[in-house]
Amino acid sequence: MKKPQTDVAYDYIKQQISSKFYFPGCRLVEEDLVRDTGVSRTSVRAALSRLRYEGIVEGTPNRGMMIKRFRREDIVNAFQIRQTLETGAFELAVRHITPEAIARMRQANRQMERLMENFSISEFVKYN
C-alpha cells in the first residue's frame, strides 16, 4: 500500500529536523520541500500544518514556516512534566512488580554490563 503524500512530506520534514539538517529558526521553503519530497504543494502545506499543530514549526506573517525556537522556560517545563510522569510511572511499577519482571530486569542489567565492553547504540536501546 502506498503511503499518503501528506505522510511522505511530514515524515521527511520531521526526519530532517531530528537529524539536525533543519535547525531552530530555519525557514522552511515550500518549493524546496515539494522538490525534495516529490509530493504536491498541498501535501507539503498539510504536513506543515500538522507540524505546526504539534508545536514543531511556527508560522510567521510574510515569512512562511520555520522550525520553532524553544525558550529556556519551555525546556525547563518539559523536564518538569517528564519528571512528574516518570515518578508516577515508577510508583505504579513498584506497586505492581512481579518476580518474573524482576528476573527480566536483572537479565537486562547483565546484558547492559556486557554491552559496556562492546558498545552498540541499537543494543543499548533494546536493553534500556
N, C-alpha and C. Protein backbone atom coordinates (compact mmCIF):
# COMPACT_ATOMS: atom_id res chain seq x y z
N MET A 1 0.84 -1.18 0.00
CA MET A 1 0.00 0.00 0.00
C MET A 1 0.89 1.25 0.00
N LYS A 2 0.55 2.19 -0.84
CA LYS A 2 1.33 3.41 -0.97
C LYS A 2 1.01 4.38 0.17
N LYS A 3 2.04 5.04 0.67
CA LYS A 3 1.90 5.99 1.77
C LYS A 3 1.27 7.28 1.24
N PRO A 4 0.32 7.86 1.99
CA PRO A 4 -0.28 9.14 1.56
C PRO A 4 0.79 10.23 1.42
N GLN A 5 0.61 11.11 0.43
CA GLN A 5 1.61 12.15 0.15
C GLN A 5 1.86 13.06 1.35
N THR A 6 0.81 13.36 2.09
CA THR A 6 1.00 14.21 3.27
C THR A 6 1.92 13.53 4.28
N ASP A 7 1.77 12.22 4.45
CA ASP A 7 2.64 11.48 5.37
C ASP A 7 4.08 11.45 4.88
N VAL A 8 4.27 11.35 3.56
CA VAL A 8 5.62 11.37 2.99
C VAL A 8 6.29 12.69 3.34
N ALA A 9 5.59 13.80 3.12
CA ALA A 9 6.15 15.12 3.42
C ALA A 9 6.39 15.30 4.91
N TYR A 10 5.41 14.89 5.71
CA TYR A 10 5.52 15.00 7.17
C TYR A 10 6.73 14.22 7.69
N ASP A 11 6.85 12.97 7.27
CA ASP A 11 7.96 12.12 7.72
C ASP A 11 9.30 12.70 7.29
N TYR A 12 9.37 13.21 6.06
CA TYR A 12 10.61 13.78 5.55
C TYR A 12 11.03 15.00 6.37
N ILE A 13 10.09 15.92 6.58
CA ILE A 13 10.43 17.15 7.32
C ILE A 13 10.82 16.82 8.75
N LYS A 14 10.06 15.95 9.39
CA LYS A 14 10.36 15.59 10.78
C LYS A 14 11.73 14.91 10.88
N GLN A 15 12.05 14.05 9.91
CA GLN A 15 13.35 13.38 9.92
C GLN A 15 14.48 14.39 9.72
N GLN A 16 14.26 15.36 8.85
CA GLN A 16 15.28 16.39 8.61
C GLN A 16 15.50 17.24 9.87
N ILE A 17 14.45 17.46 10.63
CA ILE A 17 14.58 18.22 11.88
C ILE A 17 15.34 17.38 12.91
N SER A 18 14.96 16.09 13.04
CA SER A 18 15.64 15.24 14.04
C SER A 18 17.10 15.02 13.71
N SER A 19 17.44 15.00 12.44
CA SER A 19 18.84 14.76 12.05
C SER A 19 19.65 16.06 12.06
N LYS A 20 19.01 17.15 12.45
CA LYS A 20 19.66 18.47 12.55
C LYS A 20 20.01 19.06 11.18
N PHE A 21 19.38 18.57 10.10
CA PHE A 21 19.55 19.20 8.79
C PHE A 21 18.84 20.55 8.82
N TYR A 22 17.64 20.56 9.42
CA TYR A 22 16.92 21.80 9.70
C TYR A 22 17.09 22.06 11.19
N PHE A 23 17.30 23.30 11.56
CA PHE A 23 17.57 23.63 12.95
C PHE A 23 16.62 24.74 13.40
N PRO A 24 16.49 24.97 14.71
CA PRO A 24 15.58 26.00 15.20
C PRO A 24 15.84 27.35 14.54
N GLY A 25 14.76 27.97 14.06
CA GLY A 25 14.87 29.25 13.38
C GLY A 25 15.01 29.12 11.88
N CYS A 26 15.24 27.92 11.39
CA CYS A 26 15.43 27.68 9.96
C CYS A 26 14.08 27.85 9.24
N ARG A 27 14.09 28.61 8.17
CA ARG A 27 12.88 28.82 7.37
C ARG A 27 12.66 27.63 6.45
N LEU A 28 11.42 27.16 6.38
CA LEU A 28 11.06 26.04 5.51
C LEU A 28 10.42 26.59 4.24
N VAL A 29 11.06 26.36 3.11
CA VAL A 29 10.59 26.88 1.82
C VAL A 29 9.76 25.79 1.14
N GLU A 30 8.50 26.09 0.91
CA GLU A 30 7.58 25.10 0.34
C GLU A 30 8.10 24.53 -0.98
N GLU A 31 8.61 25.40 -1.86
CA GLU A 31 9.10 24.92 -3.16
C GLU A 31 10.21 23.89 -2.99
N ASP A 32 11.10 24.13 -2.04
CA ASP A 32 12.20 23.18 -1.79
C ASP A 32 11.66 21.86 -1.27
N LEU A 33 10.68 21.93 -0.38
CA LEU A 33 10.10 20.71 0.19
C LEU A 33 9.34 19.91 -0.88
N VAL A 34 8.65 20.61 -1.78
CA VAL A 34 7.95 19.93 -2.88
C VAL A 34 8.98 19.20 -3.74
N ARG A 35 10.07 19.88 -4.08
CA ARG A 35 11.12 19.28 -4.91
C ARG A 35 11.79 18.10 -4.19
N ASP A 36 12.11 18.27 -2.91
CA ASP A 36 12.82 17.23 -2.16
C ASP A 36 11.97 15.98 -1.91
N THR A 37 10.67 16.17 -1.73
CA THR A 37 9.81 15.04 -1.39
C THR A 37 9.10 14.44 -2.60
N GLY A 38 8.95 15.25 -3.66
CA GLY A 38 8.24 14.76 -4.84
C GLY A 38 6.73 14.71 -4.67
N VAL A 39 6.22 15.45 -3.68
CA VAL A 39 4.77 15.47 -3.46
C VAL A 39 4.23 16.86 -3.82
N SER A 40 2.93 17.00 -3.80
CA SER A 40 2.30 18.26 -4.18
C SER A 40 2.48 19.33 -3.10
N ARG A 41 2.30 20.58 -3.52
CA ARG A 41 2.37 21.70 -2.59
C ARG A 41 1.27 21.58 -1.53
N THR A 42 0.10 21.08 -1.92
CA THR A 42 -0.99 20.89 -0.98
C THR A 42 -0.59 19.90 0.12
N SER A 43 0.10 18.83 -0.26
CA SER A 43 0.54 17.84 0.72
C SER A 43 1.60 18.42 1.65
N VAL A 44 2.50 19.22 1.10
CA VAL A 44 3.53 19.86 1.93
C VAL A 44 2.87 20.81 2.92
N ARG A 45 1.89 21.58 2.45
CA ARG A 45 1.20 22.51 3.35
C ARG A 45 0.45 21.77 4.46
N ALA A 46 -0.16 20.65 4.11
CA ALA A 46 -0.87 19.85 5.12
C ALA A 46 0.13 19.30 6.15
N ALA A 47 1.29 18.85 5.67
CA ALA A 47 2.32 18.34 6.59
C ALA A 47 2.81 19.45 7.51
N LEU A 48 3.05 20.64 6.96
CA LEU A 48 3.50 21.78 7.77
C LEU A 48 2.42 22.18 8.78
N SER A 49 1.17 22.10 8.37
CA SER A 49 0.08 22.41 9.29
C SER A 49 0.06 21.42 10.46
N ARG A 50 0.29 20.17 10.16
CA ARG A 50 0.34 19.14 11.21
C ARG A 50 1.51 19.40 12.17
N LEU A 51 2.66 19.74 11.61
CA LEU A 51 3.84 20.04 12.44
C LEU A 51 3.61 21.30 13.27
N ARG A 52 2.88 22.24 12.71
CA ARG A 52 2.55 23.46 13.46
C ARG A 52 1.64 23.11 14.63
N TYR A 53 0.65 22.27 14.39
CA TYR A 53 -0.26 21.83 15.44
C TYR A 53 0.51 21.13 16.56
N GLU A 54 1.54 20.36 16.20
CA GLU A 54 2.35 19.65 17.18
C GLU A 54 3.35 20.56 17.89
N GLY A 55 3.46 21.81 17.44
CA GLY A 55 4.36 22.76 18.09
C GLY A 55 5.80 22.66 17.63
N ILE A 56 6.03 22.01 16.49
CA ILE A 56 7.39 21.83 15.99
C ILE A 56 7.80 22.97 15.07
N VAL A 57 6.86 23.48 14.30
CA VAL A 57 7.13 24.64 13.45
C VAL A 57 6.16 25.74 13.82
N GLU A 58 6.49 26.96 13.40
CA GLU A 58 5.60 28.08 13.66
C GLU A 58 5.54 28.95 12.42
N GLY A 59 4.39 29.58 12.22
CA GLY A 59 4.20 30.45 11.07
C GLY A 59 4.48 31.89 11.44
N THR A 60 5.10 32.59 10.52
CA THR A 60 5.39 34.00 10.71
C THR A 60 4.80 34.74 9.51
N PRO A 61 3.99 35.77 9.74
CA PRO A 61 3.41 36.50 8.61
C PRO A 61 4.48 37.00 7.64
N ASN A 62 4.24 36.78 6.37
CA ASN A 62 5.13 37.19 5.27
C ASN A 62 6.49 36.49 5.28
N ARG A 63 6.68 35.48 6.10
CA ARG A 63 7.95 34.77 6.12
C ARG A 63 7.76 33.27 6.00
N GLY A 64 6.53 32.79 6.10
CA GLY A 64 6.27 31.36 5.98
C GLY A 64 6.51 30.62 7.28
N MET A 65 6.81 29.35 7.13
CA MET A 65 7.01 28.48 8.29
C MET A 65 8.49 28.37 8.63
N MET A 66 8.76 28.21 9.92
CA MET A 66 10.13 27.99 10.37
C MET A 66 10.12 27.05 11.55
N ILE A 67 11.27 26.41 11.78
CA ILE A 67 11.41 25.50 12.90
C ILE A 67 11.35 26.32 14.18
N LYS A 68 10.53 25.87 15.10
CA LYS A 68 10.32 26.62 16.34
C LYS A 68 11.58 26.67 17.20
N ARG A 69 11.83 27.83 17.74
CA ARG A 69 12.90 28.00 18.72
C ARG A 69 12.28 27.86 20.10
N PHE A 70 12.87 27.01 20.90
CA PHE A 70 12.34 26.82 22.25
C PHE A 70 13.09 27.71 23.22
N ARG A 71 12.33 28.32 24.11
CA ARG A 71 12.93 29.16 25.14
C ARG A 71 13.38 28.28 26.30
N ARG A 72 14.24 28.80 27.11
CA ARG A 72 14.73 28.05 28.27
C ARG A 72 13.56 27.59 29.13
N GLU A 73 12.58 28.45 29.31
CA GLU A 73 11.40 28.13 30.12
C GLU A 73 10.64 26.93 29.54
N ASP A 74 10.55 26.84 28.21
CA ASP A 74 9.87 25.70 27.57
C ASP A 74 10.58 24.40 27.91
N ILE A 75 11.90 24.42 27.87
CA ILE A 75 12.69 23.22 28.13
C ILE A 75 12.57 22.81 29.60
N VAL A 76 12.65 23.79 30.49
CA VAL A 76 12.50 23.51 31.92
C VAL A 76 11.12 22.90 32.20
N ASN A 77 10.08 23.47 31.60
CA ASN A 77 8.72 22.93 31.78
C ASN A 77 8.61 21.51 31.28
N ALA A 78 9.21 21.22 30.13
CA ALA A 78 9.17 19.86 29.57
C ALA A 78 9.83 18.87 30.52
N PHE A 79 10.97 19.25 31.10
CA PHE A 79 11.65 18.35 32.04
C PHE A 79 10.86 18.17 33.33
N GLN A 80 10.18 19.22 33.78
CA GLN A 80 9.35 19.09 34.99
C GLN A 80 8.18 18.15 34.74
N ILE A 81 7.57 18.25 33.57
CA ILE A 81 6.47 17.34 33.22
C ILE A 81 6.99 15.92 33.13
N ARG A 82 8.12 15.75 32.49
CA ARG A 82 8.70 14.41 32.36
C ARG A 82 9.02 13.82 33.73
N GLN A 83 9.57 14.63 34.62
CA GLN A 83 9.90 14.15 35.97
C GLN A 83 8.64 13.67 36.68
N THR A 84 7.56 14.42 36.57
CA THR A 84 6.30 14.04 37.21
C THR A 84 5.78 12.73 36.63
N LEU A 85 5.78 12.61 35.30
CA LEU A 85 5.28 11.40 34.66
C LEU A 85 6.13 10.18 35.01
N GLU A 86 7.45 10.34 34.97
CA GLU A 86 8.33 9.21 35.26
C GLU A 86 8.25 8.78 36.72
N THR A 87 8.09 9.74 37.61
CA THR A 87 7.94 9.40 39.03
C THR A 87 6.66 8.60 39.24
N GLY A 88 5.57 9.05 38.61
CA GLY A 88 4.30 8.34 38.71
C GLY A 88 4.39 6.94 38.11
N ALA A 89 5.05 6.82 36.97
CA ALA A 89 5.22 5.50 36.34
C ALA A 89 6.03 4.58 37.23
N PHE A 90 7.07 5.11 37.86
CA PHE A 90 7.91 4.31 38.75
C PHE A 90 7.10 3.81 39.96
N GLU A 91 6.31 4.71 40.54
CA GLU A 91 5.49 4.31 41.69
C GLU A 91 4.50 3.21 41.31
N LEU A 92 3.87 3.32 40.15
CA LEU A 92 2.95 2.28 39.69
C LEU A 92 3.69 0.96 39.46
N ALA A 93 4.86 1.05 38.84
CA ALA A 93 5.63 -0.17 38.56
C ALA A 93 6.02 -0.88 39.85
N VAL A 94 6.44 -0.13 40.86
CA VAL A 94 6.85 -0.73 42.13
C VAL A 94 5.68 -1.43 42.80
N ARG A 95 4.50 -0.83 42.72
CA ARG A 95 3.31 -1.43 43.34
C ARG A 95 2.86 -2.71 42.65
N HIS A 96 3.17 -2.85 41.36
CA HIS A 96 2.66 -3.98 40.59
C HIS A 96 3.76 -4.92 40.08
N ILE A 97 4.94 -4.82 40.61
CA ILE A 97 6.06 -5.64 40.11
C ILE A 97 5.87 -7.11 40.47
N THR A 98 6.31 -7.97 39.59
CA THR A 98 6.22 -9.42 39.82
C THR A 98 7.63 -9.99 39.87
N PRO A 99 7.79 -11.17 40.44
CA PRO A 99 9.11 -11.81 40.45
C PRO A 99 9.64 -12.04 39.02
N GLU A 100 8.74 -12.32 38.08
CA GLU A 100 9.17 -12.52 36.69
C GLU A 100 9.74 -11.23 36.10
N ALA A 101 9.10 -10.12 36.42
CA ALA A 101 9.58 -8.83 35.92
C ALA A 101 10.94 -8.50 36.52
N ILE A 102 11.13 -8.80 37.77
CA ILE A 102 12.43 -8.57 38.42
C ILE A 102 13.50 -9.41 37.75
N ALA A 103 13.19 -10.66 37.42
CA ALA A 103 14.15 -11.53 36.74
C ALA A 103 14.51 -10.97 35.37
N ARG A 104 13.51 -10.45 34.64
CA ARG A 104 13.78 -9.86 33.31
C ARG A 104 14.66 -8.62 33.44
N MET A 105 14.42 -7.80 34.47
CA MET A 105 15.25 -6.61 34.69
C MET A 105 16.69 -7.00 35.02
N ARG A 106 16.86 -8.03 35.84
CA ARG A 106 18.22 -8.48 36.17
C ARG A 106 18.94 -8.96 34.92
N GLN A 107 18.22 -9.69 34.08
CA GLN A 107 18.81 -10.17 32.82
C GLN A 107 19.20 -8.99 31.93
N ALA A 108 18.33 -8.00 31.83
CA ALA A 108 18.63 -6.81 31.02
C ALA A 108 19.84 -6.08 31.59
N ASN A 109 19.95 -6.00 32.91
CA ASN A 109 21.11 -5.34 33.53
C ASN A 109 22.40 -6.09 33.21
N ARG A 110 22.35 -7.43 33.21
CA ARG A 110 23.54 -8.21 32.85
C ARG A 110 23.92 -7.94 31.39
N GLN A 111 22.92 -7.85 30.53
CA GLN A 111 23.18 -7.55 29.12
C GLN A 111 23.81 -6.15 28.97
N MET A 112 23.32 -5.21 29.76
CA MET A 112 23.88 -3.84 29.71
C MET A 112 25.34 -3.84 30.17
N GLU A 113 25.65 -4.62 31.18
CA GLU A 113 27.03 -4.71 31.65
C GLU A 113 27.93 -5.28 30.55
N ARG A 114 27.46 -6.33 29.87
CA ARG A 114 28.24 -6.90 28.76
C ARG A 114 28.38 -5.90 27.62
N LEU A 115 27.36 -5.11 27.43
CA LEU A 115 27.36 -4.11 26.36
C LEU A 115 28.44 -3.06 26.57
N MET A 116 28.79 -2.79 27.81
CA MET A 116 29.82 -1.80 28.10
C MET A 116 31.17 -2.19 27.49
N GLU A 117 31.38 -3.47 27.30
CA GLU A 117 32.64 -3.94 26.71
C GLU A 117 32.69 -3.68 25.21
N ASN A 118 31.55 -3.75 24.54
CA ASN A 118 31.49 -3.55 23.09
C ASN A 118 30.21 -2.79 22.78
N PHE A 119 30.25 -1.46 22.92
CA PHE A 119 29.04 -0.64 22.86
C PHE A 119 28.40 -0.63 21.47
N SER A 120 27.06 -0.75 21.48
CA SER A 120 26.26 -0.66 20.27
C SER A 120 24.99 0.09 20.64
N ILE A 121 24.70 1.20 19.95
CA ILE A 121 23.53 2.01 20.31
C ILE A 121 22.24 1.22 20.15
N SER A 122 22.14 0.38 19.11
CA SER A 122 20.90 -0.38 18.92
C SER A 122 20.70 -1.39 20.04
N GLU A 123 21.77 -2.03 20.49
CA GLU A 123 21.66 -2.97 21.61
C GLU A 123 21.33 -2.21 22.90
N PHE A 124 21.92 -1.03 23.07
CA PHE A 124 21.64 -0.22 24.26
C PHE A 124 20.14 0.11 24.33
N VAL A 125 19.58 0.55 23.21
CA VAL A 125 18.15 0.89 23.16
C VAL A 125 17.31 -0.34 23.48
N LYS A 126 17.70 -1.48 22.96
CA LYS A 126 16.96 -2.73 23.19
C LYS A 126 16.88 -3.07 24.68
N TYR A 127 18.00 -2.98 25.38
CA TYR A 127 18.04 -3.37 26.79
C TYR A 127 17.65 -2.26 27.74
N ASN A 128 17.68 -1.04 27.29
CA ASN A 128 17.30 0.08 28.14
C ASN A 128 15.79 0.10 28.27
